PDB file of all heavy atoms in Angstrom:
ATOM      1  N   SER A   1      -0.274  16.568  13.985  1.00  0.00           N
ATOM      2  CA  SER A   1      -1.505  17.142  13.440  1.00  0.00           C
ATOM      3  C   SER A   1      -2.572  16.073  13.239  1.00  0.00           C
ATOM      4  O   SER A   1      -3.774  16.369  13.274  1.00  0.00           O
ATOM      5  CB  SER A   1      -1.224  17.812  12.089  1.00  0.00           C
ATOM      6  OG  SER A   1      -0.249  18.825  12.201  1.00  0.00           O
ATOM      7  N   ARG A   2      -2.154  14.834  12.961  1.00  0.00           N
ATOM      8  CA  ARG A   2      -3.084  13.705  12.810  1.00  0.00           C
ATOM      9  C   ARG A   2      -2.556  12.551  13.654  1.00  0.00           C
ATOM     10  O   ARG A   2      -1.399  12.141  13.490  1.00  0.00           O
ATOM     11  CB  ARG A   2      -3.165  13.223  11.345  1.00  0.00           C
ATOM     12  CG  ARG A   2      -3.560  14.259  10.329  1.00  0.00           C
ATOM     13  CD  ARG A   2      -2.358  14.940   9.691  1.00  0.00           C
ATOM     14  NE  ARG A   2      -1.329  14.010   9.236  1.00  0.00           N
ATOM     15  CZ  ARG A   2      -1.284  13.516   7.999  1.00  0.00           C
ATOM     16  NH1 ARG A   2      -2.164  13.891   7.103  1.00  0.00           N
ATOM     17  NH2 ARG A   2      -0.320  12.692   7.647  1.00  0.00           N
ATOM     18  N   ARG A   3      -3.380  12.032  14.540  1.00  0.00           N
ATOM     19  CA  ARG A   3      -2.930  10.928  15.377  1.00  0.00           C
ATOM     20  C   ARG A   3      -4.024   9.867  15.514  1.00  0.00           C
ATOM     21  O   ARG A   3      -5.212  10.166  15.435  1.00  0.00           O
ATOM     22  CB  ARG A   3      -2.551  11.428  16.780  1.00  0.00           C
ATOM     23  CG  ARG A   3      -1.234  12.160  16.840  1.00  0.00           C
ATOM     24  CD  ARG A   3      -0.913  12.609  18.249  1.00  0.00           C
ATOM     25  NE  ARG A   3      -1.810  13.672  18.687  1.00  0.00           N
ATOM     26  CZ  ARG A   3      -1.870  14.125  19.934  1.00  0.00           C
ATOM     27  NH1 ARG A   3      -1.120  13.581  20.876  1.00  0.00           N
ATOM     28  NH2 ARG A   3      -2.680  15.109  20.246  1.00  0.00           N
ATOM     29  N   ALA A   4      -3.568   8.647  15.749  1.00  0.00           N
ATOM     30  CA  ALA A   4      -4.471   7.550  16.056  1.00  0.00           C
ATOM     31  C   ALA A   4      -4.573   7.399  17.568  1.00  0.00           C
ATOM     32  O   ALA A   4      -3.735   7.910  18.319  1.00  0.00           O
ATOM     33  CB  ALA A   4      -3.956   6.248  15.434  1.00  0.00           C
ATOM     34  N   LEU A   5      -5.594   6.717  18.014  1.00  0.00           N
ATOM     35  CA  LEU A   5      -5.719   6.452  19.440  1.00  0.00           C
ATOM     36  C   LEU A   5      -4.564   5.579  19.913  1.00  0.00           C
ATOM     37  O   LEU A   5      -4.165   4.637  19.222  1.00  0.00           O
ATOM     38  CB  LEU A   5      -7.040   5.736  19.733  1.00  0.00           C
ATOM     39  CG  LEU A   5      -8.298   6.599  19.745  1.00  0.00           C
ATOM     40  CD1 LEU A   5      -9.532   5.717  19.800  1.00  0.00           C
ATOM     41  CD2 LEU A   5      -8.281   7.574  20.912  1.00  0.00           C
ATOM     42  N   PRO A   6      -4.033   5.860  21.093  1.00  0.00           N
ATOM     43  CA  PRO A   6      -2.939   5.035  21.623  1.00  0.00           C
ATOM     44  C   PRO A   6      -3.474   3.746  22.249  1.00  0.00           C
ATOM     45  O   PRO A   6      -3.409   3.542  23.460  1.00  0.00           O
ATOM     46  CB  PRO A   6      -2.298   5.958  22.666  1.00  0.00           C
ATOM     47  CG  PRO A   6      -3.423   6.804  23.153  1.00  0.00           C
ATOM     48  CD  PRO A   6      -4.311   7.025  21.951  1.00  0.00           C
ATOM     49  N   THR A   7      -4.018   2.869  21.398  1.00  0.00           N
ATOM     50  CA  THR A   7      -4.437   1.559  21.874  1.00  0.00           C
ATOM     51  C   THR A   7      -3.210   0.808  22.381  1.00  0.00           C
ATOM     52  O   THR A   7      -2.073   1.221  22.112  1.00  0.00           O
ATOM     53  CB  THR A   7      -5.084   0.771  20.729  1.00  0.00           C
ATOM     54  OG1 THR A   7      -4.100   0.586  19.699  1.00  0.00           O
ATOM     55  CG2 THR A   7      -6.284   1.511  20.150  1.00  0.00           C
ATOM     56  N   PRO A   8      -3.396  -0.280  23.123  1.00  0.00           N
ATOM     57  CA  PRO A   8      -2.227  -1.012  23.613  1.00  0.00           C
ATOM     58  C   PRO A   8      -1.219  -1.362  22.521  1.00  0.00           C
ATOM     59  O   PRO A   8      -0.012  -1.180  22.706  1.00  0.00           O
ATOM     60  CB  PRO A   8      -2.850  -2.264  24.241  1.00  0.00           C
ATOM     61  CG  PRO A   8      -4.177  -1.802  24.725  1.00  0.00           C
ATOM     62  CD  PRO A   8      -4.653  -0.822  23.687  1.00  0.00           C
ATOM     63  N   LEU A   9      -1.707  -1.843  21.371  1.00  0.00           N
ATOM     64  CA  LEU A   9      -0.789  -2.217  20.297  1.00  0.00           C
ATOM     65  C   LEU A   9      -0.092  -0.999  19.704  1.00  0.00           C
ATOM     66  O   LEU A   9       1.137  -0.994  19.521  1.00  0.00           O
ATOM     67  CB  LEU A   9      -1.544  -2.969  19.202  1.00  0.00           C
ATOM     68  CG  LEU A   9      -0.701  -3.404  17.990  1.00  0.00           C
ATOM     69  CD1 LEU A   9       0.440  -4.319  18.432  1.00  0.00           C
ATOM     70  CD2 LEU A   9      -1.585  -4.094  16.951  1.00  0.00           C
ATOM     71  N   VAL A  10      -0.877   0.048  19.393  1.00  0.00           N
ATOM     72  CA  VAL A  10      -0.299   1.262  18.810  1.00  0.00           C
ATOM     73  C   VAL A  10       0.698   1.899  19.774  1.00  0.00           C
ATOM     74  O   VAL A  10       1.776   2.338  19.380  1.00  0.00           O
ATOM     75  CB  VAL A  10      -1.414   2.259  18.435  1.00  0.00           C
ATOM     76  CG1 VAL A  10      -0.819   3.606  18.015  1.00  0.00           C
ATOM     77  CG2 VAL A  10      -2.274   1.699  17.310  1.00  0.00           C
ATOM     78  N   SER A  11       0.343   1.940  21.055  1.00  0.00           N
ATOM     79  CA  SER A  11       1.227   2.531  22.066  1.00  0.00           C
ATOM     80  C   SER A  11       2.540   1.769  22.170  1.00  0.00           C
ATOM     81  O   SER A  11       3.619   2.371  22.237  1.00  0.00           O
ATOM     82  CB  SER A  11       0.531   2.553  23.431  1.00  0.00           C
ATOM     83  OG  SER A  11      -0.621   3.356  23.404  1.00  0.00           O
ATOM     84  N   PHE A  12       2.434   0.452  22.196  1.00  0.00           N
ATOM     85  CA  PHE A  12       3.632  -0.365  22.341  1.00  0.00           C
ATOM     86  C   PHE A  12       4.560  -0.181  21.140  1.00  0.00           C
ATOM     87  O   PHE A  12       5.778  -0.039  21.289  1.00  0.00           O
ATOM     88  CB  PHE A  12       3.254  -1.835  22.505  1.00  0.00           C
ATOM     89  CG  PHE A  12       4.409  -2.715  22.899  1.00  0.00           C
ATOM     90  CD1 PHE A  12       4.972  -2.611  24.161  1.00  0.00           C
ATOM     91  CD2 PHE A  12       4.939  -3.635  22.008  1.00  0.00           C
ATOM     92  CE1 PHE A  12       6.044  -3.408  24.530  1.00  0.00           C
ATOM     93  CE2 PHE A  12       6.007  -4.434  22.370  1.00  0.00           C
ATOM     94  CZ  PHE A  12       6.554  -4.324  23.646  1.00  0.00           C
ATOM     95  N   LYS A  13       3.976  -0.134  19.939  1.00  0.00           N
ATOM     96  CA  LYS A  13       4.781   0.068  18.734  1.00  0.00           C
ATOM     97  C   LYS A  13       5.444   1.438  18.743  1.00  0.00           C
ATOM     98  O   LYS A  13       6.604   1.581  18.363  1.00  0.00           O
ATOM     99  CB  LYS A  13       3.896  -0.105  17.494  1.00  0.00           C
ATOM    100  CG  LYS A  13       3.465  -1.551  17.259  1.00  0.00           C
ATOM    101  CD  LYS A  13       2.356  -1.657  16.241  1.00  0.00           C
ATOM    102  CE  LYS A  13       2.827  -1.327  14.846  1.00  0.00           C
ATOM    103  NZ  LYS A  13       1.757  -1.571  13.833  1.00  0.00           N
ATOM    104  N   LYS A  14       4.700   2.466  19.199  1.00  0.00           N
ATOM    105  CA  LYS A  14       5.282   3.804  19.252  1.00  0.00           C
ATOM    106  C   LYS A  14       6.425   3.860  20.271  1.00  0.00           C
ATOM    107  O   LYS A  14       7.444   4.510  20.046  1.00  0.00           O
ATOM    108  CB  LYS A  14       4.220   4.844  19.613  1.00  0.00           C
ATOM    109  CG  LYS A  14       4.749   6.271  19.606  1.00  0.00           C
ATOM    110  CD  LYS A  14       3.650   7.278  19.872  1.00  0.00           C
ATOM    111  CE  LYS A  14       4.196   8.698  19.767  1.00  0.00           C
ATOM    112  NZ  LYS A  14       5.206   8.990  20.804  1.00  0.00           N
ATOM    113  N   MET A  15       6.245   3.186  21.411  1.00  0.00           N
ATOM    114  CA  MET A  15       7.296   3.167  22.422  1.00  0.00           C
ATOM    115  C   MET A  15       8.584   2.543  21.880  1.00  0.00           C
ATOM    116  O   MET A  15       9.681   2.897  22.298  1.00  0.00           O
ATOM    117  CB  MET A  15       6.825   2.381  23.650  1.00  0.00           C
ATOM    118  CG  MET A  15       5.754   3.073  24.458  1.00  0.00           C
ATOM    119  SD  MET A  15       6.369   4.549  25.281  1.00  0.00           S
ATOM    120  CE  MET A  15       4.869   5.104  26.081  1.00  0.00           C
ATOM    121  N   LEU A  16       8.422   1.633  20.932  1.00  0.00           N
ATOM    122  CA  LEU A  16       9.579   0.971  20.335  1.00  0.00           C
ATOM    123  C   LEU A  16      10.139   1.751  19.148  1.00  0.00           C
ATOM    124  O   LEU A  16      11.096   1.317  18.519  1.00  0.00           O
ATOM    125  CB  LEU A  16       9.203  -0.444  19.894  1.00  0.00           C
ATOM    126  CG  LEU A  16       8.810  -1.416  21.020  1.00  0.00           C
ATOM    127  CD1 LEU A  16       8.378  -2.757  20.437  1.00  0.00           C
ATOM    128  CD2 LEU A  16       9.968  -1.610  21.989  1.00  0.00           C
ATOM    129  N   GLY A  17       9.507   2.900  18.853  1.00  0.00           N
ATOM    130  CA  GLY A  17      10.011   3.741  17.777  1.00  0.00           C
ATOM    131  C   GLY A  17       9.302   3.588  16.449  1.00  0.00           C
ATOM    132  O   GLY A  17       9.682   4.223  15.470  1.00  0.00           O
ATOM    133  N   PHE A  18       8.241   2.772  16.402  1.00  0.00           N
ATOM    134  CA  PHE A  18       7.475   2.582  15.161  1.00  0.00           C
ATOM    135  C   PHE A  18       6.221   3.457  15.245  1.00  0.00           C
ATOM    136  O   PHE A  18       5.185   3.027  15.764  1.00  0.00           O
ATOM    137  CB  PHE A  18       7.108   1.116  14.972  1.00  0.00           C
ATOM    138  CG  PHE A  18       8.305   0.190  14.945  1.00  0.00           C
ATOM    139  CD1 PHE A  18       8.652  -0.551  16.063  1.00  0.00           C
ATOM    140  CD2 PHE A  18       9.092   0.094  13.810  1.00  0.00           C
ATOM    141  CE1 PHE A  18       9.748  -1.392  16.049  1.00  0.00           C
ATOM    142  CE2 PHE A  18      10.198  -0.736  13.781  1.00  0.00           C
ATOM    143  CZ  PHE A  18      10.526  -1.481  14.908  1.00  0.00           C
ATOM    144  N   SER A  19       6.320   4.682  14.728  1.00  0.00           N
ATOM    145  CA  SER A  19       5.267   5.671  14.962  1.00  0.00           C
ATOM    146  C   SER A  19       4.405   5.970  13.735  1.00  0.00           C
ATOM    147  O   SER A  19       3.535   6.833  13.792  1.00  0.00           O
ATOM    148  CB  SER A  19       5.897   6.975  15.461  1.00  0.00           C
ATOM    149  OG  SER A  19       6.838   7.470  14.528  1.00  0.00           O
ATOM    150  N   ARG A  20       4.635   5.288  12.620  1.00  0.00           N
ATOM    151  CA  ARG A  20       3.894   5.592  11.398  1.00  0.00           C
ATOM    152  C   ARG A  20       2.393   5.440  11.604  1.00  0.00           C
ATOM    153  O   ARG A  20       1.605   6.291  11.182  1.00  0.00           O
ATOM    154  CB  ARG A  20       4.369   4.694  10.257  1.00  0.00           C
ATOM    155  CG  ARG A  20       3.633   4.942   8.946  1.00  0.00           C
ATOM    156  CD  ARG A  20       4.189   4.106   7.803  1.00  0.00           C
ATOM    157  NE  ARG A  20       3.396   4.260   6.599  1.00  0.00           N
ATOM    158  CZ  ARG A  20       3.493   5.281   5.759  1.00  0.00           C
ATOM    159  NH1 ARG A  20       4.359   6.236   6.003  1.00  0.00           N
ATOM    160  NH2 ARG A  20       2.731   5.356   4.690  1.00  0.00           N
ATOM    161  N   GLN A  21       1.970   4.354  12.258  1.00  0.00           N
ATOM    162  CA  GLN A  21       0.548   4.124  12.477  1.00  0.00           C
ATOM    163  C   GLN A  21      -0.023   5.167  13.427  1.00  0.00           C
ATOM    164  O   GLN A  21      -1.125   5.691  13.216  1.00  0.00           O
ATOM    165  CB  GLN A  21       0.317   2.716  13.040  1.00  0.00           C
ATOM    166  CG  GLN A  21      -1.159   2.373  13.246  1.00  0.00           C
ATOM    167  CD  GLN A  21      -1.337   0.963  13.780  1.00  0.00           C
ATOM    168  OE1 GLN A  21      -0.381   0.214  13.942  1.00  0.00           O
ATOM    169  NE2 GLN A  21      -2.573   0.592  14.074  1.00  0.00           N
ATOM    170  N   TYR A  22       0.731   5.512  14.472  1.00  0.00           N
ATOM    171  CA  TYR A  22       0.255   6.472  15.468  1.00  0.00           C
ATOM    172  C   TYR A  22       0.010   7.841  14.840  1.00  0.00           C
ATOM    173  O   TYR A  22      -0.979   8.514  15.149  1.00  0.00           O
ATOM    174  CB  TYR A  22       1.264   6.589  16.608  1.00  0.00           C
ATOM    175  CG  TYR A  22       0.867   7.580  17.683  1.00  0.00           C
ATOM    176  CD1 TYR A  22      -0.221   7.333  18.519  1.00  0.00           C
ATOM    177  CD2 TYR A  22       1.575   8.767  17.858  1.00  0.00           C
ATOM    178  CE1 TYR A  22      -0.592   8.244  19.497  1.00  0.00           C
ATOM    179  CE2 TYR A  22       1.214   9.677  18.839  1.00  0.00           C
ATOM    180  CZ  TYR A  22       0.131   9.412  19.652  1.00  0.00           C
ATOM    181  OH  TYR A  22      -0.237  10.307  20.624  1.00  0.00           O
ATOM    182  N   TYR A  23       0.893   8.265  13.937  1.00  0.00           N
ATOM    183  CA  TYR A  23       0.757   9.571  13.305  1.00  0.00           C
ATOM    184  C   TYR A  23      -0.051   9.524  12.010  1.00  0.00           C
ATOM    185  O   TYR A  23      -0.080  10.517  11.276  1.00  0.00           O
ATOM    186  CB  TYR A  23       2.143  10.177  13.049  1.00  0.00           C
ATOM    187  CG  TYR A  23       2.846  10.596  14.317  1.00  0.00           C
ATOM    188  CD1 TYR A  23       4.096  10.087  14.654  1.00  0.00           C
ATOM    189  CD2 TYR A  23       2.247  11.486  15.201  1.00  0.00           C
ATOM    190  CE1 TYR A  23       4.727  10.469  15.827  1.00  0.00           C
ATOM    191  CE2 TYR A  23       2.875  11.861  16.377  1.00  0.00           C
ATOM    192  CZ  TYR A  23       4.118  11.351  16.680  1.00  0.00           C
ATOM    193  OH  TYR A  23       4.742  11.725  17.846  1.00  0.00           O
ATOM    194  N   MET A  24      -0.696   8.400  11.722  1.00  0.00           N
ATOM    195  CA  MET A  24      -1.583   8.255  10.575  1.00  0.00           C
ATOM    196  C   MET A  24      -0.917   8.789   9.302  1.00  0.00           C
ATOM    197  O   MET A  24      -1.482   9.598   8.552  1.00  0.00           O
ATOM    198  CB  MET A  24      -2.915   8.962  10.846  1.00  0.00           C
ATOM    199  CG  MET A  24      -3.580   8.511  12.146  1.00  0.00           C
ATOM    200  SD  MET A  24      -5.241   9.159  12.429  1.00  0.00           S
ATOM    201  CE  MET A  24      -6.214   8.039  11.398  1.00  0.00           C
ATOM    202  N   SER A  25       0.307   8.333   9.062  1.00  0.00           N
ATOM    203  CA  SER A  25       1.138   8.863   7.983  1.00  0.00           C
ATOM    204  C   SER A  25       0.604   8.530   6.591  1.00  0.00           C
ATOM    205  O   SER A  25       1.092   9.092   5.599  1.00  0.00           O
ATOM    206  CB  SER A  25       2.569   8.334   8.129  1.00  0.00           C
ATOM    207  OG  SER A  25       3.124   8.714   9.368  1.00  0.00           O
ATOM    208  N   HIS A  26      -0.356   7.651   6.507  1.00  0.00           N
ATOM    209  CA  HIS A  26      -0.910   7.290   5.203  1.00  0.00           C
ATOM    210  C   HIS A  26      -1.851   8.366   4.664  1.00  0.00           C
ATOM    211  O   HIS A  26      -2.206   8.352   3.483  1.00  0.00           O
ATOM    212  CB  HIS A  26      -1.677   5.967   5.317  1.00  0.00           C
ATOM    213  CG  HIS A  26      -2.851   6.024   6.256  1.00  0.00           C
ATOM    214  ND1 HIS A  26      -2.714   6.026   7.627  1.00  0.00           N
ATOM    215  CD2 HIS A  26      -4.198   6.105   6.010  1.00  0.00           C
ATOM    216  CE1 HIS A  26      -3.913   6.085   8.197  1.00  0.00           C
ATOM    217  NE2 HIS A  26      -4.813   6.140   7.237  1.00  0.00           N
ATOM    218  N   LEU A  27      -2.277   9.302   5.506  1.00  0.00           N
ATOM    219  CA  LEU A  27      -3.237  10.312   5.092  1.00  0.00           C
ATOM    220  C   LEU A  27      -2.560  11.441   4.321  1.00  0.00           C
ATOM    221  O   LEU A  27      -1.404  11.776   4.561  1.00  0.00           O
ATOM    222  CB  LEU A  27      -3.950  10.902   6.312  1.00  0.00           C
ATOM    223  CG  LEU A  27      -4.820   9.951   7.134  1.00  0.00           C
ATOM    224  CD1 LEU A  27      -5.388  10.676   8.351  1.00  0.00           C
ATOM    225  CD2 LEU A  27      -5.947   9.362   6.286  1.00  0.00           C
ATOM    226  N   SER A  28      -3.312  12.053   3.400  1.00  0.00           N
ATOM    227  CA  SER A  28      -2.825  13.207   2.658  1.00  0.00           C
ATOM    228  C   SER A  28      -2.809  14.434   3.565  1.00  0.00           C
ATOM    229  O   SER A  28      -3.679  14.598   4.418  1.00  0.00           O
ATOM    230  CB  SER A  28      -3.730  13.478   1.452  1.00  0.00           C
ATOM    231  OG  SER A  28      -3.433  14.741   0.879  1.00  0.00           O
ATOM    232  N   TRP A  29      -1.807  15.292   3.348  1.00  0.00           N
ATOM    233  CA  TRP A  29      -1.748  16.548   4.088  1.00  0.00           C
ATOM    234  C   TRP A  29      -2.672  17.606   3.475  1.00  0.00           C
ATOM    235  O   TRP A  29      -2.903  18.651   4.080  1.00  0.00           O
ATOM    236  CB  TRP A  29      -0.319  17.087   4.101  1.00  0.00           C
ATOM    237  CG  TRP A  29       0.580  16.405   5.082  1.00  0.00           C
ATOM    238  CD1 TRP A  29       1.554  15.488   4.808  1.00  0.00           C
ATOM    239  CD2 TRP A  29       0.604  16.585   6.505  1.00  0.00           C
ATOM    240  NE1 TRP A  29       2.179  15.087   5.968  1.00  0.00           N
ATOM    241  CE2 TRP A  29       1.622  15.748   7.022  1.00  0.00           C
ATOM    242  CE3 TRP A  29      -0.134  17.369   7.394  1.00  0.00           C
ATOM    243  CZ2 TRP A  29       1.913  15.675   8.388  1.00  0.00           C
ATOM    244  CZ3 TRP A  29       0.156  17.305   8.753  1.00  0.00           C
ATOM    245  CH2 TRP A  29       1.161  16.470   9.235  1.00  0.00           C
TER     246      TRP A  29
END
């Protein structure tokens, strides 16, 4: 429902299983 742009750094981290930044998990629902 909330995502960040898949910049090279964000994409690489997500590919490795670190998806908190990609899904902007810090935001309130």
